[in-house]
Amino acid sequence: MGADLTTTNVLLGIMATVSVLEAAAVLAVVSGVLLILRRVDQVVSSIEDRQIAPAMLRVDAILDDVKSVTATVRERAGHMDWLVDWLLKTLDRRRNPAHPTASTRVM
């Protein structure tokens, strides 16, 4: 009995052709995705350069102003603390004198 391999060879040829076509399709999809990613990266970079960078410069300037104002307020608050402490000590000394004055002494 002779084995006829014609049908098997045809089926193997079809499967090999389908495998090659699948590999080509996968390569086409991967290359398409890479092209899209490259274009998206260019768009994002141009948006960053045109819009985000100037906005960040303005935000940095505002933050520098806030820092300056905060330092000034902190300094003034320190002066006010010292003044309130001094006033309270002065008022306390007047209410409760440590040494009686000559008019309050009994002779």
PDB file of N, CA and C in Angstrom:
ATOM      1  N   MET A   1       0.815  -1.163   0.000  1.00  0.00           N
ATOM      2  CA  MET A   1       0.000   0.000   0.000  1.00  0.00           C
ATOM      3  C   MET A   1       0.859   1.226   0.000  1.00  0.00           C
ATOM      4  N   GLY A   2       0.643   1.976  -0.972  1.00  0.00           N
ATOM      5  CA  GLY A   2       1.402   3.196  -1.058  1.00  0.00           C
ATOM      6  C   GLY A   2       0.653   4.336  -0.401  1.00  0.00           C
ATOM      7  N   ALA A   3       1.367   5.096   0.361  1.00  0.00           N
ATOM      8  CA  ALA A   3       0.740   6.209   1.074  1.00  0.00           C
ATOM      9  C   ALA A   3       0.718   7.415   0.158  1.00  0.00           C
ATOM     10  N   ASP A   4      -0.471   7.990   0.031  1.00  0.00           N
ATOM     11  CA  ASP A   4      -0.607   9.189  -0.790  1.00  0.00           C
ATOM     12  C   ASP A   4      -0.560  10.401   0.142  1.00  0.00           C
ATOM     13  N   LEU A   5       0.486  11.198   0.031  1.00  0.00           N
ATOM     14  CA  LEU A   5       0.697  12.344   0.924  1.00  0.00           C
ATOM     15  C   LEU A   5       0.287  13.663   0.280  1.00  0.00           C
ATOM     16  N   THR A   6      -0.425  13.592  -0.816  1.00  0.00           N
ATOM     17  CA  THR A   6      -0.810  14.822  -1.518  1.00  0.00           C
ATOM     18  C   THR A   6      -1.720  15.671  -0.654  1.00  0.00           C
ATOM     19  N   THR A   7      -2.720  15.100  -0.045  1.00  0.00           N
ATOM     20  CA  THR A   7      -3.659  15.850   0.782  1.00  0.00           C
ATOM     21  C   THR A   7      -2.942  16.442   1.989  1.00  0.00           C
ATOM     22  N   THR A   8      -2.079  15.667   2.620  1.00  0.00           N
ATOM     23  CA  THR A   8      -1.330  16.148   3.784  1.00  0.00           C
ATOM     24  C   THR A   8      -0.429  17.300   3.393  1.00  0.00           C
ATOM     25  N   ASN A   9       0.243  17.170   2.243  1.00  0.00           N
ATOM     26  CA  ASN A   9       1.141  18.239   1.802  1.00  0.00           C
ATOM     27  C   ASN A   9       0.369  19.520   1.478  1.00  0.00           C
ATOM     28  N   VAL A  10      -0.790  19.374   0.899  1.00  0.00           N
ATOM     29  CA  VAL A  10      -1.611  20.555   0.587  1.00  0.00           C
ATOM     30  C   VAL A  10      -2.041  21.240   1.872  1.00  0.00           C
ATOM     31  N   LEU A  11      -2.506  20.459   2.838  1.00  0.00           N
ATOM     32  CA  LEU A  11      -2.921  21.040   4.122  1.00  0.00           C
ATOM     33  C   LEU A  11      -1.751  21.699   4.848  1.00  0.00           C
ATOM     34  N   LEU A  12      -0.588  21.072   4.829  1.00  0.00           N
ATOM     35  CA  LEU A  12       0.596  21.673   5.451  1.00  0.00           C
ATOM     36  C   LEU A  12       0.991  22.966   4.745  1.00  0.00           C
ATOM     37  N   GLY A  13       0.870  23.001   3.431  1.00  0.00           N
ATOM     38  CA  GLY A  13       1.166  24.220   2.663  1.00  0.00           C
ATOM     39  C   GLY A  13       0.209  25.339   3.024  1.00  0.00           C
ATOM     40  N   ILE A  14      -1.065  24.985   3.172  1.00  0.00           N
ATOM     41  CA  ILE A  14      -2.070  25.998   3.556  1.00  0.00           C
ATOM     42  C   ILE A  14      -1.760  26.536   4.957  1.00  0.00           C
ATOM     43  N   MET A  15      -1.430  25.645   5.905  1.00  0.00           N
ATOM     44  CA  MET A  15      -1.122  26.080   7.272  1.00  0.00           C
ATOM     45  C   MET A  15       0.137  26.949   7.304  1.00  0.00           C
ATOM     46  N   ALA A  16       1.126  26.615   6.500  1.00  0.00           N
ATOM     47  CA  ALA A  16       2.345  27.431   6.451  1.00  0.00           C
ATOM     48  C   ALA A  16       2.036  28.803   5.884  1.00  0.00           C
ATOM     49  N   THR A  17       1.208  28.869   4.846  1.00  0.00           N
ATOM     50  CA  THR A  17       0.836  30.155   4.245  1.00  0.00           C
ATOM     51  C   THR A  17       0.062  31.009   5.257  1.00  0.00           C
ATOM     52  N   VAL A  18      -0.861  30.389   5.990  1.00  0.00           N
ATOM     53  CA  VAL A  18      -1.637  31.116   7.003  1.00  0.00           C
ATOM     54  C   VAL A  18      -0.711  31.626   8.105  1.00  0.00           C
ATOM     55  N   SER A  19       0.263  30.828   8.513  1.00  0.00           N
ATOM     56  CA  SER A  19       1.208  31.250   9.543  1.00  0.00           C
ATOM     57  C   SER A  19       2.025  32.449   9.084  1.00  0.00           C
ATOM     58  N   VAL A  20       2.465  32.432   7.834  1.00  0.00           N
ATOM     59  CA  VAL A  20       3.229  33.563   7.291  1.00  0.00           C
ATOM     60  C   VAL A  20       2.346  34.806   7.238  1.00  0.00           C
ATOM     61  N   LEU A  21       1.089  34.635   6.809  1.00  0.00           N
ATOM     62  CA  LEU A  21       0.165  35.769   6.770  1.00  0.00           C
ATOM     63  C   LEU A  21      -0.114  36.314   8.179  1.00  0.00           C
ATOM     64  N   GLU A  22      -0.251  35.429   9.166  1.00  0.00           N
ATOM     65  CA  GLU A  22      -0.450  35.875  10.548  1.00  0.00           C
ATOM     66  C   GLU A  22       0.757  36.652  11.051  1.00  0.00           C
ATOM     67  N   ALA A  23       1.956  36.171  10.763  1.00  0.00           N
ATOM     68  CA  ALA A  23       3.174  36.867  11.186  1.00  0.00           C
ATOM     69  C   ALA A  23       3.249  38.238  10.537  1.00  0.00           C
ATOM     70  N   ALA A  24       2.899  38.326   9.261  1.00  0.00           N
ATOM     71  CA  ALA A  24       2.900  39.623   8.577  1.00  0.00           C
ATOM     72  C   ALA A  24       1.864  40.559   9.187  1.00  0.00           C
ATOM     73  N   ALA A  25       0.701  40.028   9.544  1.00  0.00           N
ATOM     74  CA  ALA A  25      -0.334  40.860  10.168  1.00  0.00           C
ATOM     75  C   ALA A  25       0.120  41.365  11.529  1.00  0.00           C
ATOM     76  N   VAL A  26       0.753  40.527  12.315  1.00  0.00           N
ATOM     77  CA  VAL A  26       1.258  40.941  13.632  1.00  0.00           C
ATOM     78  C   VAL A  26       2.324  42.019  13.467  1.00  0.00           C
ATOM     79  N   LEU A  27       3.216  41.851  12.522  1.00  0.00           N
ATOM     80  CA  LEU A  27       4.247  42.869  12.284  1.00  0.00           C
ATOM     81  C   LEU A  27       3.629  44.188  11.823  1.00  0.00           C
ATOM     82  N   ALA A  28       2.600  44.114  10.987  1.00  0.00           N
ATOM     83  CA  ALA A  28       1.934  45.337  10.534  1.00  0.00           C
ATOM     84  C   ALA A  28       1.250  46.048  11.703  1.00  0.00           C
ATOM     85  N   VAL A  29       0.604  45.293  12.567  1.00  0.00           N
ATOM     86  CA  VAL A  29      -0.062  45.905  13.723  1.00  0.00           C
ATOM     87  C   VAL A  29       0.957  46.529  14.668  1.00  0.00           C
ATOM     88  N   VAL A  30       2.054  45.836  14.936  1.00  0.00           N
ATOM     89  CA  VAL A  30       3.088  46.359  15.838  1.00  0.00           C
ATOM     90  C   VAL A  30       3.710  47.625  15.258  1.00  0.00           C
ATOM     91  N   SER A  31       4.009  47.608  13.962  1.00  0.00           N
ATOM     92  CA  SER A  31       4.604  48.813  13.354  1.00  0.00           C
ATOM     93  C   SER A  31       3.596  49.966  13.348  1.00  0.00           C
ATOM     94  N   GLY A  32       2.313  49.680  13.131  1.00  0.00           N
ATOM     95  CA  GLY A  32       1.290  50.723  13.181  1.00  0.00           C
ATOM     96  C   GLY A  32       1.166  51.326  14.570  1.00  0.00           C
ATOM     97  N   VAL A  33       1.203  50.481  15.586  1.00  0.00           N
ATOM     98  CA  VAL A  33       1.127  50.972  16.965  1.00  0.00           C
ATOM     99  C   VAL A  33       2.348  51.832  17.286  1.00  0.00           C
ATOM    100  N   LEU A  34       3.525  51.412  16.838  1.00  0.00           N
ATOM    101  CA  LEU A  34       4.727  52.210  17.083  1.00  0.00           C
ATOM    102  C   LEU A  34       4.639  53.577  16.406  1.00  0.00           C
ATOM    103  N   LEU A  35       4.117  53.619  15.177  1.00  0.00           N
ATOM    104  CA  LEU A  35       3.951  54.904  14.495  1.00  0.00           C
ATOM    105  C   LEU A  35       2.964  55.805  15.236  1.00  0.00           C
ATOM    106  N   ILE A  36       1.877  55.223  15.690  1.00  0.00           N
ATOM    107  CA  ILE A  36       0.881  56.011  16.430  1.00  0.00           C
ATOM    108  C   ILE A  36       1.482  56.533  17.734  1.00  0.00           C
ATOM    109  N   LEU A  37       2.219  55.687  18.442  1.00  0.00           N
ATOM    110  CA  LEU A  37       2.850  56.125  19.681  1.00  0.00           C
ATOM    111  C   LEU A  37       3.846  57.252  19.445  1.00  0.00           C
ATOM    112  N   ARG A  38       4.611  57.158  18.360  1.00  0.00           N
ATOM    113  CA  ARG A  38       5.578  58.206  18.037  1.00  0.00           C
ATOM    114  C   ARG A  38       4.864  59.532  17.755  1.00  0.00           C
ATOM    115  N   ARG A  39       3.771  59.482  17.023  1.00  0.00           N
ATOM    116  CA  ARG A  39       3.010  60.705  16.717  1.00  0.00           C
ATOM    117  C   ARG A  39       2.366  61.286  17.972  1.00  0.00           C
ATOM    118  N   VAL A  40       1.838  60.424  18.827  1.00  0.00           N
ATOM    119  CA  VAL A  40       1.245  60.896  20.078  1.00  0.00           C
ATOM    120  C   VAL A  40       2.313  61.563  20.941  1.00  0.00           C
ATOM    121  N   ASP A  41       3.497  60.986  20.972  1.00  0.00           N
ATOM    122  CA  ASP A  41       4.593  61.583  21.740  1.00  0.00           C
ATOM    123  C   ASP A  41       4.955  62.958  21.192  1.00  0.00           C
ATOM    124  N   GLN A  42       4.976  63.106  19.884  1.00  0.00           N
ATOM    125  CA  GLN A  42       5.261  64.416  19.285  1.00  0.00           C
ATOM    126  C   GLN A  42       4.182  65.428  19.630  1.00  0.00           C
ATOM    127  N   VAL A  43       2.930  65.012  19.595  1.00  0.00           N
ATOM    128  CA  VAL A  43       1.827  65.918  19.930  1.00  0.00           C
ATOM    129  C   VAL A  43       1.913  66.348  21.389  1.00  0.00           C
ATOM    130  N   VAL A  44       2.176  65.400  22.275  1.00  0.00           N
ATOM    131  CA  VAL A  44       2.287  65.728  23.702  1.00  0.00           C
ATOM    132  C   VAL A  44       3.456  66.676  23.939  1.00  0.00           C
ATOM    133  N   SER A  45       4.577  66.437  23.278  1.00  0.00           N
ATOM    134  CA  SER A  45       5.732  67.327  23.436  1.00  0.00           C
ATOM    135  C   SER A  45       5.421  68.731  22.952  1.00  0.00           C
ATOM    136  N   SER A  46       4.732  68.851  21.825  1.00  0.00           N
ATOM    137  CA  SER A  46       4.408  70.185  21.320  1.00  0.00           C
ATOM    138  C   SER A  46       3.409  70.892  22.239  1.00  0.00           C
ATOM    139  N   ILE A  47       2.467  70.152  22.807  1.00  0.00           N
ATOM    140  CA  ILE A  47       1.523  70.754  23.757  1.00  0.00           C
ATOM    141  C   ILE A  47       2.268  71.215  25.004  1.00  0.00           C
ATOM    142  N   GLU A  48       3.195  70.417  25.479  1.00  0.00           N
ATOM    143  CA  GLU A  48       3.983  70.811  26.651  1.00  0.00           C
ATOM    144  C   GLU A  48       4.763  72.087  26.370  1.00  0.00           C
ATOM    145  N   ASP A  49       5.386  72.157  25.197  1.00  0.00           N
ATOM    146  CA  ASP A  49       6.199  73.322  24.858  1.00  0.00           C
ATOM    147  C   ASP A  49       5.350  74.576  24.694  1.00  0.00           C
ATOM    148  N   ARG A  50       4.190  74.453  24.080  1.00  0.00           N
ATOM    149  CA  ARG A  50       3.374  75.638  23.776  1.00  0.00           C
ATOM    150  C   ARG A  50       2.488  76.074  24.925  1.00  0.00           C
ATOM    151  N   GLN A  51       1.997  75.145  25.738  1.00  0.00           N
ATOM    152  CA  GLN A  51       0.998  75.523  26.729  1.00  0.00           C
ATOM    153  C   GLN A  51       1.430  75.278  28.161  1.00  0.00           C
ATOM    154  N   ILE A  52       1.999  74.141  28.442  1.00  0.00           N
ATOM    155  CA  ILE A  52       2.300  73.799  29.827  1.00  0.00           C
ATOM    156  C   ILE A  52       3.523  74.558  30.338  1.00  0.00           C
ATOM    157  N   ALA A  53       4.560  74.704  29.522  1.00  0.00           N
ATOM    158  CA  ALA A  53       5.768  75.403  29.975  1.00  0.00           C
ATOM    159  C   ALA A  53       5.480  76.859  30.356  1.00  0.00           C
ATOM    160  N   PRO A  54       4.755  77.654  29.546  1.00  0.00           N
ATOM    161  CA  PRO A  54       4.445  79.023  29.991  1.00  0.00           C
ATOM    162  C   PRO A  54       3.567  79.052  31.242  1.00  0.00           C
ATOM    163  N   ALA A  55       2.652  78.125  31.355  1.00  0.00           N
ATOM    164  CA  ALA A  55       1.799  78.076  32.553  1.00  0.00           C
ATOM    165  C   ALA A  55       2.640  77.763  33.786  1.00  0.00           C
ATOM    166  N   MET A  56       3.592  76.868  33.647  1.00  0.00           N
ATOM    167  CA  MET A  56       4.460  76.540  34.777  1.00  0.00           C
ATOM    168  C   MET A  56       5.313  77.741  35.173  1.00  0.00           C
ATOM    169  N   LEU A  57       5.755  78.521  34.217  1.00  0.00           N
ATOM    170  CA  LEU A  57       6.513  79.730  34.543  1.00  0.00           C
ATOM    171  C   LEU A  57       5.656  80.691  35.359  1.00  0.00           C
ATOM    172  N   ARG A  58       4.393  80.853  34.968  1.00  0.00           N
ATOM    173  CA  ARG A  58       3.497  81.741  35.724  1.00  0.00           C
ATOM    174  C   ARG A  58       3.234  81.182  37.117  1.00  0.00           C
ATOM    175  N   VAL A  59       3.032  79.890  37.226  1.00  0.00           N
ATOM    176  CA  VAL A  59       2.795  79.275  38.535  1.00  0.00           C
ATOM    177  C   VAL A  59       4.017  79.427  39.429  1.00  0.00           C
ATOM    178  N   ASP A  60       5.206  79.248  38.867  1.00  0.00           N
ATOM    179  CA  ASP A  60       6.431  79.428  39.648  1.00  0.00           C
ATOM    180  C   ASP A  60       6.562  80.865  40.139  1.00  0.00           C
ATOM    181  N   ALA A  61       6.220  81.835  39.300  1.00  0.00           N
ATOM    182  CA  ALA A  61       6.274  83.239  39.714  1.00  0.00           C
ATOM    183  C   ALA A  61       5.281  83.509  40.839  1.00  0.00           C
ATOM    184  N   ILE A  62       4.087  82.949  40.732  1.00  0.00           N
ATOM    185  CA  ILE A  62       3.083  83.123  41.785  1.00  0.00           C
ATOM    186  C   ILE A  62       3.566  82.497  43.089  1.00  0.00           C
ATOM    187  N   LEU A  63       4.152  81.308  43.006  1.00  0.00           N
ATOM    188  CA  LEU A  63       4.652  80.648  44.207  1.00  0.00           C
ATOM    189  C   LEU A  63       5.786  81.432  44.843  1.00  0.00           C
ATOM    190  N   ASP A  64       6.642  82.056  44.032  1.00  0.00           N
ATOM    191  CA  ASP A  64       7.694  82.904  44.582  1.00  0.00           C
ATOM    192  C   ASP A  64       7.101  84.099  45.315  1.00  0.00           C
ATOM    193  N   ASP A  65       6.041  84.698  44.758  1.00  0.00           N
ATOM    194  CA  ASP A  65       5.368  85.814  45.427  1.00  0.00           C
ATOM    195  C   ASP A  65       4.743  85.359  46.746  1.00  0.00           C
ATOM    196  N   VAL A  66       4.122  84.215  46.731  1.00  0.00           N
ATOM    197  CA  VAL A  66       3.506  83.685  47.954  1.00  0.00           C
ATOM    198  C   VAL A  66       4.568  83.424  49.011  1.00  0.00           C
ATOM    199  N   LYS A  67       5.699  82.909  48.594  1.00  0.00           N
ATOM    200  CA  LYS A  67       6.794  82.654  49.528  1.00  0.00           C
ATOM    201  C   LYS A  67       7.280  83.946  50.148  1.00  0.00           C
ATOM    202  N   SER A  68       7.408  84.984  49.342  1.00  0.00           N
ATOM    203  CA  SER A  68       7.850  86.283  49.843  1.00  0.00           C
ATOM    204  C   SER A  68       6.839  86.863  50.823  1.00  0.00           C
ATOM    205  N   VAL A  69       5.569  86.796  50.472  1.00  0.00           N
ATOM    206  CA  VAL A  69       4.520  87.322  51.354  1.00  0.00           C
ATOM    207  C   VAL A  69       4.476  86.529  52.657  1.00  0.00           C
ATOM    208  N   THR A  70       4.617  85.236  52.579  1.00  0.00           N
ATOM    209  CA  THR A  70       4.604  84.392  53.778  1.00  0.00           C
ATOM    210  C   THR A  70       5.767  84.743  54.696  1.00  0.00           C
ATOM    211  N   ALA A  71       6.935  84.973  54.133  1.00  0.00           N
ATOM    212  CA  ALA A  71       8.094  85.345  54.954  1.00  0.00           C
ATOM    213  C   ALA A  71       7.847  86.692  55.634  1.00  0.00           C
ATOM    214  N   THR A  72       7.264  87.638  54.912  1.00  0.00           N
ATOM    215  CA  THR A  72       6.978  88.948  55.497  1.00  0.00           C
ATOM    216  C   THR A  72       5.960  88.828  56.619  1.00  0.00           C
ATOM    217  N   VAL A  73       4.903  88.063  56.395  1.00  0.00           N
ATOM    218  CA  VAL A  73       3.879  87.877  57.422  1.00  0.00           C
ATOM    219  C   VAL A  73       4.463  87.195  58.647  1.00  0.00           C
ATOM    220  N   ARG A  74       5.306  86.196  58.432  1.00  0.00           N
ATOM    221  CA  ARG A  74       5.940  85.499  59.553  1.00  0.00           C
ATOM    222  C   ARG A  74       6.798  86.463  60.364  1.00  0.00           C
ATOM    223  N   GLU A  75       7.533  87.326  59.682  1.00  0.00           N
ATOM    224  CA  GLU A  75       8.377  88.310  60.377  1.00  0.00           C
ATOM    225  C   GLU A  75       7.512  89.289  61.167  1.00  0.00           C
ATOM    226  N   ARG A  76       6.451  89.801  60.548  1.00  0.00           N
ATOM    227  CA  ARG A  76       5.554  90.748  61.238  1.00  0.00           C
ATOM    228  C   ARG A  76       4.854  90.075  62.414  1.00  0.00           C
ATOM    229  N   ALA A  77       4.488  88.828  62.269  1.00  0.00           N
ATOM    230  CA  ALA A  77       3.844  88.109  63.371  1.00  0.00           C
ATOM    231  C   ALA A  77       4.799  87.970  64.543  1.00  0.00           C
ATOM    232  N   GLY A  78       6.080  87.770  64.258  1.00  0.00           N
ATOM    233  CA  GLY A  78       7.072  87.711  65.330  1.00  0.00           C
ATOM    234  C   GLY A  78       7.161  89.032  66.072  1.00  0.00           C
ATOM    235  N   HIS A  79       7.121  90.136  65.328  1.00  0.00           N
ATOM    236  CA  HIS A  79       7.138  91.461  65.958  1.00  0.00           C
ATOM    237  C   HIS A  79       5.887  91.673  66.804  1.00  0.00           C
ATOM    238  N   MET A  80       4.742  91.231  66.294  1.00  0.00           N
ATOM    239  CA  MET A  80       3.497  91.396  67.042  1.00  0.00           C
ATOM    240  C   MET A  80       3.517  90.540  68.312  1.00  0.00           C
ATOM    241  N   ASP A  81       4.057  89.355  68.251  1.00  0.00           N
ATOM    242  CA  ASP A  81       4.173  88.523  69.454  1.00  0.00           C
ATOM    243  C   ASP A  81       5.005  89.224  70.514  1.00  0.00           C
ATOM    244  N   TRP A  82       6.125  89.788  70.087  1.00  0.00           N
ATOM    245  CA  TRP A  82       6.989  90.499  71.025  1.00  0.00           C
ATOM    246  C   TRP A  82       6.248  91.687  71.634  1.00  0.00           C
ATOM    247  N   LEU A  83       5.506  92.442  70.814  1.00  0.00           N
ATOM    248  CA  LEU A  83       4.777  93.611  71.298  1.00  0.00           C
ATOM    249  C   LEU A  83       3.676  93.209  72.279  1.00  0.00           C
ATOM    250  N   VAL A  84       2.929  92.155  71.978  1.00  0.00           N
ATOM    251  CA  VAL A  84       1.865  91.698  72.880  1.00  0.00           C
ATOM    252  C   VAL A  84       2.467  91.221  74.197  1.00  0.00           C
ATOM    253  N   ASP A  85       3.560  90.481  74.145  1.00  0.00           N
ATOM    254  CA  ASP A  85       4.226  90.037  75.372  1.00  0.00           C
ATOM    255  C   ASP A  85       4.674  91.231  76.213  1.00  0.00           C
ATOM    256  N   TRP A  86       5.256  92.209  75.558  1.00  0.00           N
ATOM    257  CA  TRP A  86       5.719  93.399  76.275  1.00  0.00           C
ATOM    258  C   TRP A  86       4.551  94.142  76.918  1.00  0.00           C
ATOM    259  N   LEU A  87       3.451  94.310  76.179  1.00  0.00           N
ATOM    260  CA  LEU A  87       2.282  94.994  76.725  1.00  0.00           C
ATOM    261  C   LEU A  87       1.688  94.234  77.905  1.00  0.00           C
ATOM    262  N   LEU A  88       1.581  92.907  77.793  1.00  0.00           N
ATOM    263  CA  LEU A  88       1.037  92.118  78.896  1.00  0.00           C
ATOM    264  C   LEU A  88       1.921  92.196  80.134  1.00  0.00           C
ATOM    265  N   LYS A  89       3.223  92.151  79.943  1.00  0.00           N
ATOM    266  CA  LYS A  89       4.134  92.266  81.086  1.00  0.00           C
ATOM    267  C   LYS A  89       4.016  93.648  81.728  1.00  0.00           C
ATOM    268  N   THR A  90       3.895  94.687  80.899  1.00  0.00           N
ATOM    269  CA  THR A  90       3.764  96.049  81.433  1.00  0.00           C
ATOM    270  C   THR A  90       2.471  96.192  82.221  1.00  0.00           C
ATOM    271  N   LEU A  91       1.365  95.698  81.676  1.00  0.00           N
ATOM    272  CA  LEU A  91       0.092  95.769  82.387  1.00  0.00           C
ATOM    273  C   LEU A  91       0.117  94.950  83.665  1.00  0.00           C
ATOM    274  N   ASP A  92       0.751  93.806  83.623  1.00  0.00           N
ATOM    275  CA  ASP A  92       0.852  92.967  84.812  1.00  0.00           C
ATOM    276  C   ASP A  92       1.670  93.665  85.890  1.00  0.00           C
ATOM    277  N   ARG A  93       2.743  94.352  85.516  1.00  0.00           N
ATOM    278  CA  ARG A  93       3.556  95.084  86.487  1.00  0.00           C
ATOM    279  C   ARG A  93       2.769  96.229  87.106  1.00  0.00           C
ATOM    280  N   ARG A  94       1.927  96.856  86.342  1.00  0.00           N
ATOM    281  CA  ARG A  94       1.137  97.975  86.878  1.00  0.00           C
ATOM    282  C   ARG A  94       0.039  97.478  87.810  1.00  0.00           C
ATOM    283  N   ARG A  95      -0.514  96.321  87.539  1.00  0.00           N
ATOM    284  CA  ARG A  95      -1.559  95.784  88.412  1.00  0.00           C
ATOM    285  C   ARG A  95      -0.979  95.238  89.707  1.00  0.00           C
ATOM    286  N   ASN A  96       0.117  94.543  89.578  1.00  0.00           N
ATOM    287  CA  ASN A  96       0.751  93.896  90.741  1.00  0.00           C
ATOM    288  C   ASN A  96       2.176  94.409  90.878  1.00  0.00           C
ATOM    289  N   PRO A  97       2.341  95.560  91.462  1.00  0.00           N
ATOM    290  CA  PRO A  97       3.707  96.075  91.593  1.00  0.00           C
ATOM    291  C   PRO A  97       4.517  95.193  92.537  1.00  0.00           C
ATOM    292  N   ALA A  98       5.742  94.975  92.184  1.00  0.00           N
ATOM    293  CA  ALA A  98       6.636  94.146  93.000  1.00  0.00           C
ATOM    294  C   ALA A  98       7.066  94.897  94.267  1.00  0.00           C
ATOM    295  N   HIS A  99       7.285  96.207  94.149  1.00  0.00           N
ATOM    296  CA  HIS A  99       7.682  97.033  95.284  1.00  0.00           C
ATOM    297  C   HIS A  99       6.612  98.075  95.503  1.00  0.00           C
ATOM    298  N   PRO A 100       6.064  98.157  96.692  1.00  0.00           N
ATOM    299  CA  PRO A 100       5.046  99.170  96.940  1.00  0.00           C
ATOM    300  C   PRO A 100       5.647 100.570  96.826  1.00  0.00           C
ATOM    301  N   THR A 101       4.832 101.496  96.327  1.00  0.00           N
ATOM    302  CA  THR A 101       5.312 102.860  96.176  1.00  0.00           C
ATOM    303  C   THR A 101       5.228 103.575  97.525  1.00  0.00           C
ATOM    304  N   ALA A 102       5.789 104.762  97.622  1.00  0.00           N
ATOM    305  CA  ALA A 102       5.849 105.502  98.898  1.00  0.00           C
ATOM    306  C   ALA A 102       4.457 105.897  99.371  1.00  0.00           C
ATOM    307  N   SER A 103       3.531 106.129  98.498  1.00  0.00           N
ATOM    308  CA  SER A 103       2.173 106.542  98.916  1.00  0.00           C
ATOM    309  C   SER A 103       1.382 105.419  99.525  1.00  0.00           C
ATOM    310  N   THR A 104       1.710 104.156  99.234  1.00  0.00           N
ATOM    311  CA  THR A 104       0.950 103.036  99.783  1.00  0.00           C
ATOM    312  C   THR A 104       1.571 102.501 101.072  1.00  0.00           C
ATOM    313  N   ARG A 105       2.715 103.001 101.506  1.00  0.00           N
ATOM    314  CA  ARG A 105       3.371 102.510 102.727  1.00  0.00           C
ATOM    315  C   ARG A 105       2.665 103.077 103.969  1.00  0.00           C
ATOM    316  N   VAL A 106       2.612 102.265 104.968  1.00  0.00           N
ATOM    317  CA  VAL A 106       2.057 102.712 106.250  1.00  0.00           C
ATOM    318  C   VAL A 106       3.218 103.024 107.172  1.00  0.00           C
ATOM    319  N   MET A 107       3.131 104.168 107.829  1.00  0.00           N
ATOM    320  CA  MET A 107       4.221 104.551 108.720  1.00  0.00           C
ATOM    321  C   MET A 107       3.877 104.348 110.137  1.00  0.00           C
TER     322      MET A 107
END
